């Protein structure tokens, strides 16, 4: 066989696996995320930098809690309650609801000039034909979201309530699940969000350390990836069923407001933290 007869393989990227930058979120962006025609949508200056700074100053005196240390390492700090810390036998533990009430009171004590969660939901659903609200579980409204700080980053992981909760999480069944982040402060370097073109497969479990929420990087070693660097005030929406991670931060704090967005069979967009 001569060299002329050899076939040289080339790596071909998926043209749909891309970050779309836009002045605002539209129904077409959400449809493209759900259908896999893009990986993420980034909206610069979704919230003015001055307002972000005001929220950060308010949070500077707040008591951040650590996500469950047995499950989340390196440590991730949060202000607010995330339902992922309250799973029990495939459902929501009873302790979630009193913790949520304490979280609401803590957010209320900050005396912010606006409701950042309501503002974010309105921005995500500004062009959506159905209602945008907070999801409910057995008649009770869930948490609106969580402020997170992860100096050492997040491990490779995915978020999919259909897999994480054997009981239906929200009253309205979901067709898809997205993740929203609003960046209040960003470090000088690091803190990038990395998204892989890979969803959970049973064989991935061999790469999950026992008891951890995340996976080792070997899980996505052969998957195509994109990296998103955000500025203060940017909003980011992506399909959280794709594996994703956050790089460690250097030279400053990376604080982001985050919540999940479900596309429900009712036509609604439903948020929860």
C-alpha atoms as a PDB file:
ATOM      1  CA  UNK A   1       0.000   0.000   0.000  1.00  0.00           C
ATOM      2  CA  UNK A   2       1.439   3.360  -0.988  1.00  0.00           C
ATOM      3  CA  UNK A   3       1.087   6.568   0.939  1.00  0.00           C
ATOM      4  CA  UNK A   4      -1.242   7.848  -1.804  1.00  0.00           C
ATOM      5  CA  UNK A   5      -3.759   5.172  -0.914  1.00  0.00           C
ATOM      6  CA  UNK A   6      -3.871   6.062   2.776  1.00  0.00           C
ATOM      7  CA  UNK A   7      -6.976   7.905   4.003  1.00  0.00           C
ATOM      8  CA  UNK A   8      -6.202  10.746   6.353  1.00  0.00           C
ATOM      9  CA  UNK A   9      -8.929  11.326   8.899  1.00  0.00           C
ATOM     10  CA  UNK A  10      -9.647  14.873  10.044  1.00  0.00           C
ATOM     11  CA  UNK A  11     -11.492  16.031  13.105  1.00  0.00           C
ATOM     12  CA  UNK A  12     -14.788  17.609  12.121  1.00  0.00           C
ATOM     13  CA  UNK A  13     -16.531  19.849  14.620  1.00  0.00           C
ATOM     14  CA  UNK A  14     -20.298  19.895  15.000  1.00  0.00           C
ATOM     15  CA  UNK A  15     -21.379  23.247  13.502  1.00  0.00           C
ATOM     16  CA  UNK A  16     -24.374  23.319  15.851  1.00  0.00           C
ATOM     17  CA  UNK A  17     -22.225  22.984  18.974  1.00  0.00           C
ATOM     18  CA  UNK A  18     -21.512  26.672  19.401  1.00  0.00           C
ATOM     19  CA  UNK A  19     -22.091  29.674  21.642  1.00  0.00           C
ATOM     20  CA  UNK A  20     -24.527  32.246  20.292  1.00  0.00           C
ATOM     21  CA  UNK A  21     -24.058  35.836  21.441  1.00  0.00           C
ATOM     22  CA  UNK A  22     -27.174  37.980  21.282  1.00  0.00           C
ATOM     23  CA  UNK A  23     -28.619  41.209  22.735  1.00  0.00           C
ATOM     24  CA  UNK A  24     -31.405  39.221  24.414  1.00  0.00           C
ATOM     25  CA  UNK A  25     -32.887  35.755  24.773  1.00  0.00           C
ATOM     26  CA  UNK A  26     -35.525  34.834  22.196  1.00  0.00           C
ATOM     27  CA  UNK A  27     -37.903  31.913  21.758  1.00  0.00           C
ATOM     28  CA  UNK A  28     -35.729  30.802  18.836  1.00  0.00           C
ATOM     29  CA  UNK A  29     -32.679  30.606  21.115  1.00  0.00           C
ATOM     30  CA  UNK A  30     -34.568  28.420  23.560  1.00  0.00           C
ATOM     31  CA  UNK A  31     -35.859  26.225  20.748  1.00  0.00           C
ATOM     32  CA  UNK A  32     -32.334  25.881  19.363  1.00  0.00           C
ATOM     33  CA  UNK A  33     -30.966  24.910  22.783  1.00  0.00           C
ATOM     34  CA  UNK A  34     -33.649  22.273  23.266  1.00  0.00           C
ATOM     35  CA  UNK A  35     -33.221  20.851  19.760  1.00  0.00           C
ATOM     36  CA  UNK A  36     -29.405  20.876  19.896  1.00  0.00           C
ATOM     37  CA  UNK A  37     -28.844  23.553  17.268  1.00  0.00           C
ATOM     38  CA  UNK A  38     -26.625  25.486  19.676  1.00  0.00           C
ATOM     39  CA  UNK A  39     -24.878  24.717  22.963  1.00  0.00           C
ATOM     40  CA  UNK A  40     -25.244  28.024  24.804  1.00  0.00           C
ATOM     41  CA  UNK A  41     -26.620  31.542  24.443  1.00  0.00           C
ATOM     42  CA  UNK A  42     -24.721  34.430  26.017  1.00  0.00           C
ATOM     43  CA  UNK A  43     -26.279  37.875  26.505  1.00  0.00           C
ATOM     44  CA  UNK A  44     -23.756  40.594  27.414  1.00  0.00           C
ATOM     45  CA  UNK A  45     -24.841  43.244  29.921  1.00  0.00           C
ATOM     46  CA  UNK A  46     -28.077  41.532  30.828  1.00  0.00           C
ATOM     47  CA  UNK A  47     -27.854  43.378  34.165  1.00  0.00           C
ATOM     48  CA  UNK A  48     -26.006  46.709  34.483  1.00  0.00           C
ATOM     49  CA  UNK A  49     -22.646  46.476  36.190  1.00  0.00           C
ATOM     50  CA  UNK A  50     -23.666  49.025  38.833  1.00  0.00           C
ATOM     51  CA  UNK A  51     -26.607  46.853  39.894  1.00  0.00           C
ATOM     52  CA  UNK A  52     -24.370  43.764  39.961  1.00  0.00           C
ATOM     53  CA  UNK A  53     -21.972  45.648  42.208  1.00  0.00           C
ATOM     54  CA  UNK A  54     -24.796  46.588  44.555  1.00  0.00           C
ATOM     55  CA  UNK A  55     -25.870  42.956  44.862  1.00  0.00           C
ATOM     56  CA  UNK A  56     -22.265  41.853  45.480  1.00  0.00           C
ATOM     57  CA  UNK A  57     -21.872  44.454  48.223  1.00  0.00           C
ATOM     58  CA  UNK A  58     -25.070  43.205  49.849  1.00  0.00           C
ATOM     59  CA  UNK A  59     -23.849  39.614  49.620  1.00  0.00           C
ATOM     60  CA  UNK A  60     -20.465  40.523  51.105  1.00  0.00           C
ATOM     61  CA  UNK A  61     -22.048  40.590  54.542  1.00  0.00           C
ATOM     62  CA  UNK A  62     -24.149  37.472  53.983  1.00  0.00           C
ATOM     63  CA  UNK A  63     -23.370  34.071  55.427  1.00  0.00           C
ATOM     64  CA  UNK A  64     -22.629  31.653  52.607  1.00  0.00           C
ATOM     65  CA  UNK A  65     -23.108  27.957  53.346  1.00  0.00           C
ATOM     66  CA  UNK A  66     -21.182  25.074  51.843  1.00  0.00           C
ATOM     67  CA  UNK A  67     -22.881  22.489  49.695  1.00  0.00           C
ATOM     68  CA  UNK A  68     -22.829  19.065  51.339  1.00  0.00           C
ATOM     69  CA  UNK A  69     -19.120  18.350  51.884  1.00  0.00           C
ATOM     70  CA  UNK A  70     -19.572  14.601  51.396  1.00  0.00           C
ATOM     71  CA  UNK A  71     -20.988  15.131  47.922  1.00  0.00           C
ATOM     72  CA  UNK A  72     -19.369  18.373  46.713  1.00  0.00           C
ATOM     73  CA  UNK A  73     -15.570  18.651  46.694  1.00  0.00           C
ATOM     74  CA  UNK A  74     -13.748  20.947  46.095  1.00  0.00           C
ATOM     75  CA  UNK A  75     -15.950  23.150  48.264  1.00  0.00           C
ATOM     76  CA  UNK A  76     -18.681  25.242  46.624  1.00  0.00           C
ATOM     77  CA  UNK A  77     -20.287  28.015  48.648  1.00  0.00           C
ATOM     78  CA  UNK A  78     -23.874  29.141  48.236  1.00  0.00           C
ATOM     79  CA  UNK A  79     -26.280  31.767  49.522  1.00  0.00           C
ATOM     80  CA  UNK A  80     -29.721  30.297  49.227  1.00  0.00           C
ATOM     81  CA  UNK A  81     -31.036  26.760  49.100  1.00  0.00           C
ATOM     82  CA  UNK A  82     -30.587  24.337  46.224  1.00  0.00           C
ATOM     83  CA  UNK A  83     -32.903  21.353  45.998  1.00  0.00           C
ATOM     84  CA  UNK A  84     -29.985  19.122  44.955  1.00  0.00           C
ATOM     85  CA  UNK A  85     -28.813  19.138  48.584  1.00  0.00           C
ATOM     86  CA  UNK A  86     -32.171  17.803  49.726  1.00  0.00           C
ATOM     87  CA  UNK A  87     -32.656  14.594  47.746  1.00  0.00           C
ATOM     88  CA  UNK A  88     -34.007  11.655  49.703  1.00  0.00           C
ATOM     89  CA  UNK A  89     -35.010   8.299  48.202  1.00  0.00           C
ATOM     90  CA  UNK A  90     -35.524   9.895  44.811  1.00  0.00           C
ATOM     91  CA  UNK A  91     -37.681  12.723  46.150  1.00  0.00           C
ATOM     92  CA  UNK A  92     -37.364  15.976  48.091  1.00  0.00           C
ATOM     93  CA  UNK A  93     -36.510  15.631  51.772  1.00  0.00           C
ATOM     94  CA  UNK A  94     -38.905  17.232  54.231  1.00  0.00           C
ATOM     95  CA  UNK A  95     -36.063  19.427  55.533  1.00  0.00           C
ATOM     96  CA  UNK A  96     -35.992  21.314  52.220  1.00  0.00           C
ATOM     97  CA  UNK A  97     -39.095  23.373  52.943  1.00  0.00           C
ATOM     98  CA  UNK A  98     -38.066  24.950  56.285  1.00  0.00           C
ATOM     99  CA  UNK A  99     -34.590  25.540  54.845  1.00  0.00           C
ATOM    100  CA  UNK A 100     -36.213  27.307  51.896  1.00  0.00           C
ATOM    101  CA  UNK A 101     -38.190  29.583  54.216  1.00  0.00           C
ATOM    102  CA  UNK A 102     -35.006  30.535  56.048  1.00  0.00           C
ATOM    103  CA  UNK A 103     -33.350  31.214  52.683  1.00  0.00           C
ATOM    104  CA  UNK A 104     -36.172  33.511  51.586  1.00  0.00           C
ATOM    105  CA  UNK A 105     -35.901  35.439  54.835  1.00  0.00           C
ATOM    106  CA  UNK A 106     -32.131  35.772  54.375  1.00  0.00           C
ATOM    107  CA  UNK A 107     -32.537  37.119  50.837  1.00  0.00           C
ATOM    108  CA  UNK A 108     -35.209  39.521  52.071  1.00  0.00           C
ATOM    109  CA  UNK A 109     -32.849  40.853  54.730  1.00  0.00           C
ATOM    110  CA  UNK A 110     -30.478  42.104  52.027  1.00  0.00           C
ATOM    111  CA  UNK A 111     -32.971  44.890  51.128  1.00  0.00           C
ATOM    112  CA  UNK A 112     -32.014  44.847  47.471  1.00  0.00           C
ATOM    113  CA  UNK A 113     -33.478  47.536  45.166  1.00  0.00           C
ATOM    114  CA  UNK A 114     -34.874  44.856  42.840  1.00  0.00           C
ATOM    115  CA  UNK A 115     -35.723  41.176  42.799  1.00  0.00           C
ATOM    116  CA  UNK A 116     -32.833  39.690  40.771  1.00  0.00           C
ATOM    117  CA  UNK A 117     -34.663  36.374  40.321  1.00  0.00           C
ATOM    118  CA  UNK A 118     -37.776  37.999  38.873  1.00  0.00           C
ATOM    119  CA  UNK A 119     -35.634  40.190  36.621  1.00  0.00           C
ATOM    120  CA  UNK A 120     -33.696  37.156  35.370  1.00  0.00           C
ATOM    121  CA  UNK A 121     -36.847  35.124  34.677  1.00  0.00           C
ATOM    122  CA  UNK A 122     -38.375  38.003  32.749  1.00  0.00           C
ATOM    123  CA  UNK A 123     -35.192  38.344  30.688  1.00  0.00           C
ATOM    124  CA  UNK A 124     -35.086  34.623  29.849  1.00  0.00           C
ATOM    125  CA  UNK A 125     -38.763  34.570  28.887  1.00  0.00           C
ATOM    126  CA  UNK A 126     -39.108  38.037  27.336  1.00  0.00           C
ATOM    127  CA  UNK A 127     -39.937  36.537  23.929  1.00  0.00           C
ATOM    128  CA  UNK A 128     -41.469  33.271  25.154  1.00  0.00           C
ATOM    129  CA  UNK A 129     -45.194  32.867  24.338  1.00  0.00           C
ATOM    130  CA  UNK A 130     -46.085  31.119  27.603  1.00  0.00           C
ATOM    131  CA  UNK A 131     -45.810  32.093  31.247  1.00  0.00           C
ATOM    132  CA  UNK A 132     -42.469  32.149  33.054  1.00  0.00           C
ATOM    133  CA  UNK A 133     -42.695  31.323  36.727  1.00  0.00           C
ATOM    134  CA  UNK A 134     -41.167  29.388  39.597  1.00  0.00           C
ATOM    135  CA  UNK A 135     -41.811  25.656  39.548  1.00  0.00           C
ATOM    136  CA  UNK A 136     -44.065  24.018  42.110  1.00  0.00           C
ATOM    137  CA  UNK A 137     -43.856  20.658  43.832  1.00  0.00           C
ATOM    138  CA  UNK A 138     -47.029  19.221  45.326  1.00  0.00           C
ATOM    139  CA  UNK A 139     -48.604  22.659  45.480  1.00  0.00           C
ATOM    140  CA  UNK A 140     -45.648  24.477  47.032  1.00  0.00           C
ATOM    141  CA  UNK A 141     -43.441  26.962  45.218  1.00  0.00           C
ATOM    142  CA  UNK A 142     -39.799  25.954  45.047  1.00  0.00           C
ATOM    143  CA  UNK A 143     -36.763  28.167  45.521  1.00  0.00           C
ATOM    144  CA  UNK A 144     -36.085  30.768  42.852  1.00  0.00           C
ATOM    145  CA  UNK A 145     -32.328  30.253  42.680  1.00  0.00           C
ATOM    146  CA  UNK A 146     -28.968  30.271  44.433  1.00  0.00           C
ATOM    147  CA  UNK A 147     -25.940  32.577  44.504  1.00  0.00           C
ATOM    148  CA  UNK A 148     -22.824  30.430  44.112  1.00  0.00           C
ATOM    149  CA  UNK A 149     -19.111  30.927  44.561  1.00  0.00           C
ATOM    150  CA  UNK A 150     -16.698  28.147  43.645  1.00  0.00           C
ATOM    151  CA  UNK A 151     -13.094  29.394  44.031  1.00  0.00           C
ATOM    152  CA  UNK A 152     -11.739  25.986  43.019  1.00  0.00           C
ATOM    153  CA  UNK A 153     -14.324  25.456  40.319  1.00  0.00           C
ATOM    154  CA  UNK A 154     -16.973  22.815  39.675  1.00  0.00           C
ATOM    155  CA  UNK A 155     -16.192  19.249  38.669  1.00  0.00           C
ATOM    156  CA  UNK A 156     -17.378  17.810  35.379  1.00  0.00           C
ATOM    157  CA  UNK A 157     -21.073  17.058  35.896  1.00  0.00           C
ATOM    158  CA  UNK A 158     -24.515  17.287  34.368  1.00  0.00           C
ATOM    159  CA  UNK A 159     -27.869  18.509  35.730  1.00  0.00           C
ATOM    160  CA  UNK A 160     -30.999  16.604  34.768  1.00  0.00           C
ATOM    161  CA  UNK A 161     -33.858  16.405  37.266  1.00  0.00           C
ATOM    162  CA  UNK A 162     -35.402  13.488  35.351  1.00  0.00           C
ATOM    163  CA  UNK A 163     -32.364  11.384  36.309  1.00  0.00           C
ATOM    164  CA  UNK A 164     -31.666  12.930  39.696  1.00  0.00           C
ATOM    165  CA  UNK A 165     -35.223  12.588  41.043  1.00  0.00           C
ATOM    166  CA  UNK A 166     -37.111   9.358  40.481  1.00  0.00           C
ATOM    167  CA  UNK A 167     -40.238  11.168  41.652  1.00  0.00           C
ATOM    168  CA  UNK A 168     -41.367  13.941  39.320  1.00  0.00           C
ATOM    169  CA  UNK A 169     -39.690  17.114  40.580  1.00  0.00           C
ATOM    170  CA  UNK A 170     -42.215  19.651  39.282  1.00  0.00           C
ATOM    171  CA  UNK A 171     -45.962  19.373  38.952  1.00  0.00           C
ATOM    172  CA  UNK A 172     -45.681  20.032  35.212  1.00  0.00           C
ATOM    173  CA  UNK A 173     -43.695  17.339  33.328  1.00  0.00           C
ATOM    174  CA  UNK A 174     -40.629  18.730  31.567  1.00  0.00           C
ATOM    175  CA  UNK A 175     -39.567  18.308  27.953  1.00  0.00           C
ATOM    176  CA  UNK A 176     -36.089  19.764  28.513  1.00  0.00           C
ATOM    177  CA  UNK A 177     -33.918  21.348  31.168  1.00  0.00           C
ATOM    178  CA  UNK A 178     -31.594  24.326  30.788  1.00  0.00           C
ATOM    179  CA  UNK A 179     -29.297  26.185  33.183  1.00  0.00           C
ATOM    180  CA  UNK A 180     -29.147  29.952  33.646  1.00  0.00           C
ATOM    181  CA  UNK A 181     -26.279  31.955  35.160  1.00  0.00           C
ATOM    182  CA  UNK A 182     -26.048  35.686  35.784  1.00  0.00           C
ATOM    183  CA  UNK A 183     -22.512  36.830  36.598  1.00  0.00           C
ATOM    184  CA  UNK A 184     -22.295  39.378  39.415  1.00  0.00           C
ATOM    185  CA  UNK A 185     -18.492  39.372  39.661  1.00  0.00           C
ATOM    186  CA  UNK A 186     -15.743  37.620  37.742  1.00  0.00           C
ATOM    187  CA  UNK A 187     -12.072  36.906  38.525  1.00  0.00           C
ATOM    188  CA  UNK A 188      -9.100  38.318  36.631  1.00  0.00           C
ATOM    189  CA  UNK A 189      -8.508  34.864  35.164  1.00  0.00           C
ATOM    190  CA  UNK A 190     -10.147  31.482  35.343  1.00  0.00           C
ATOM    191  CA  UNK A 191     -13.789  30.883  36.164  1.00  0.00           C
ATOM    192  CA  UNK A 192     -14.663  29.877  32.603  1.00  0.00           C
ATOM    193  CA  UNK A 193     -17.583  27.532  31.997  1.00  0.00           C
ATOM    194  CA  UNK A 194     -16.681  24.515  29.863  1.00  0.00           C
ATOM    195  CA  UNK A 195     -19.446  22.557  28.111  1.00  0.00           C
ATOM    196  CA  UNK A 196     -18.955  19.186  26.426  1.00  0.00           C
ATOM    197  CA  UNK A 197     -20.949  17.644  23.616  1.00  0.00           C
ATOM    198  CA  UNK A 198     -21.703  14.602  25.738  1.00  0.00           C
ATOM    199  CA  UNK A 199     -24.668  13.464  27.828  1.00  0.00           C
ATOM    200  CA  UNK A 200     -24.804  10.845  30.513  1.00  0.00           C
ATOM    201  CA  UNK A 201     -24.214   7.230  29.519  1.00  0.00           C
ATOM    202  CA  UNK A 202     -24.241   4.275  31.950  1.00  0.00           C
ATOM    203  CA  UNK A 203     -20.543   3.621  31.373  1.00  0.00           C
ATOM    204  CA  UNK A 204     -19.783   7.137  32.665  1.00  0.00           C
ATOM    205  CA  UNK A 205     -20.400   5.917  36.204  1.00  0.00           C
ATOM    206  CA  UNK A 206     -16.965   4.295  36.291  1.00  0.00           C
ATOM    207  CA  UNK A 207     -15.562   7.844  36.275  1.00  0.00           C
ATOM    208  CA  UNK A 208     -17.643   9.087  39.221  1.00  0.00           C
ATOM    209  CA  UNK A 209     -15.827   9.052  42.590  1.00  0.00           C
ATOM    210  CA  UNK A 210     -17.961   7.355  45.221  1.00  0.00           C
ATOM    211  CA  UNK A 211     -20.550   9.715  46.687  1.00  0.00           C
ATOM    212  CA  UNK A 212     -19.583  12.640  44.433  1.00  0.00           C
ATOM    213  CA  UNK A 213     -21.881  14.816  42.344  1.00  0.00           C
ATOM    214  CA  UNK A 214     -19.218  14.971  39.630  1.00  0.00           C
ATOM    215  CA  UNK A 215     -16.992  12.907  37.392  1.00  0.00           C
ATOM    216  CA  UNK A 216     -13.299  12.805  36.541  1.00  0.00           C
ATOM    217  CA  UNK A 217     -12.160  14.456  33.326  1.00  0.00           C
ATOM    218  CA  UNK A 218     -11.680  11.019  31.763  1.00  0.00           C
ATOM    219  CA  UNK A 219     -15.441  10.925  31.338  1.00  0.00           C
ATOM    220  CA  UNK A 220     -15.318  13.589  28.602  1.00  0.00           C
ATOM    221  CA  UNK A 221     -11.792  13.132  27.256  1.00  0.00           C
ATOM    222  CA  UNK A 222     -12.979  12.339  23.703  1.00  0.00           C
ATOM    223  CA  UNK A 223     -15.883  14.815  23.596  1.00  0.00           C
ATOM    224  CA  UNK A 224     -15.951  18.107  21.749  1.00  0.00           C
ATOM    225  CA  UNK A 225     -16.030  21.107  24.073  1.00  0.00           C
ATOM    226  CA  UNK A 226     -16.548  24.842  24.124  1.00  0.00           C
ATOM    227  CA  UNK A 227     -15.424  27.383  26.709  1.00  0.00           C
ATOM    228  CA  UNK A 228     -17.373  30.450  27.782  1.00  0.00           C
ATOM    229  CA  UNK A 229     -15.716  33.450  29.396  1.00  0.00           C
ATOM    230  CA  UNK A 230     -18.272  35.829  30.916  1.00  0.00           C
ATOM    231  CA  UNK A 231     -18.089  39.473  31.996  1.00  0.00           C
ATOM    232  CA  UNK A 232     -19.911  41.154  34.857  1.00  0.00           C
ATOM    233  CA  UNK A 233     -23.617  41.404  34.064  1.00  0.00           C
ATOM    234  CA  UNK A 234     -23.626  38.709  31.387  1.00  0.00           C
ATOM    235  CA  UNK A 235     -26.391  36.129  31.257  1.00  0.00           C
ATOM    236  CA  UNK A 236     -25.730  32.585  30.056  1.00  0.00           C
ATOM    237  CA  UNK A 237     -28.269  29.930  29.134  1.00  0.00           C
ATOM    238  CA  UNK A 238     -27.216  26.397  28.155  1.00  0.00           C
ATOM    239  CA  UNK A 239     -28.432  22.818  28.069  1.00  0.00           C
ATOM    240  CA  UNK A 240     -27.426  21.475  31.467  1.00  0.00           C
ATOM    241  CA  UNK A 241     -27.927  17.879  30.326  1.00  0.00           C
ATOM    242  CA  UNK A 242     -24.611  18.296  28.517  1.00  0.00           C
ATOM    243  CA  UNK A 243     -21.652  17.720  30.810  1.00  0.00           C
ATOM    244  CA  UNK A 244     -20.161  20.982  32.045  1.00  0.00           C
ATOM    245  CA  UNK A 245     -17.641  22.306  34.555  1.00  0.00           C
ATOM    246  CA  UNK A 246     -16.188  25.566  35.861  1.00  0.00           C
ATOM    247  CA  UNK A 247     -12.463  26.290  36.006  1.00  0.00           C
ATOM    248  CA  UNK A 248     -10.826  27.531  39.240  1.00  0.00           C
ATOM    249  CA  UNK A 249     -10.758  31.305  39.755  1.00  0.00           C
ATOM    250  CA  UNK A 250      -7.661  33.466  40.162  1.00  0.00           C
ATOM    251  CA  UNK A 251      -7.452  37.097  41.236  1.00  0.00           C
ATOM    252  CA  UNK A 252     -11.005  37.839  42.284  1.00  0.00           C
ATOM    253  CA  UNK A 253     -14.339  36.310  43.141  1.00  0.00           C
ATOM    254  CA  UNK A 254     -16.642  34.553  40.702  1.00  0.00           C
ATOM    255  CA  UNK A 255     -20.164  35.000  42.046  1.00  0.00           C
ATOM    256  CA  UNK A 256     -23.099  34.012  39.884  1.00  0.00           C
ATOM    257  CA  UNK A 257     -26.828  33.759  40.383  1.00  0.00           C
ATOM    258  CA  UNK A 258     -28.067  30.462  39.027  1.00  0.00           C
ATOM    259  CA  UNK A 259     -31.216  28.460  38.506  1.00  0.00           C
ATOM    260  CA  UNK A 260     -32.574  25.696  36.313  1.00  0.00           C
ATOM    261  CA  UNK A 261     -35.120  26.397  33.577  1.00  0.00           C
ATOM    262  CA  UNK A 262     -37.525  23.666  32.588  1.00  0.00           C
ATOM    263  CA  UNK A 263     -39.495  23.681  29.338  1.00  0.00           C
ATOM    264  CA  UNK A 264     -42.807  22.190  30.461  1.00  0.00           C
ATOM    265  CA  UNK A 265     -45.427  20.289  28.475  1.00  0.00           C
ATOM    266  CA  UNK A 266     -47.818  23.116  29.387  1.00  0.00           C
ATOM    267  CA  UNK A 267     -45.767  25.558  27.304  1.00  0.00           C
ATOM    268  CA  UNK A 268     -44.424  27.318  30.374  1.00  0.00           C
ATOM    269  CA  UNK A 269     -40.837  28.031  31.310  1.00  0.00           C
ATOM    270  CA  UNK A 270     -40.394  27.055  34.952  1.00  0.00           C
ATOM    271  CA  UNK A 271     -37.420  28.025  37.123  1.00  0.00           C
ATOM    272  CA  UNK A 272     -36.078  26.506  40.317  1.00  0.00           C
ATOM    273  CA  UNK A 273     -32.884  26.617  42.330  1.00  0.00           C
END
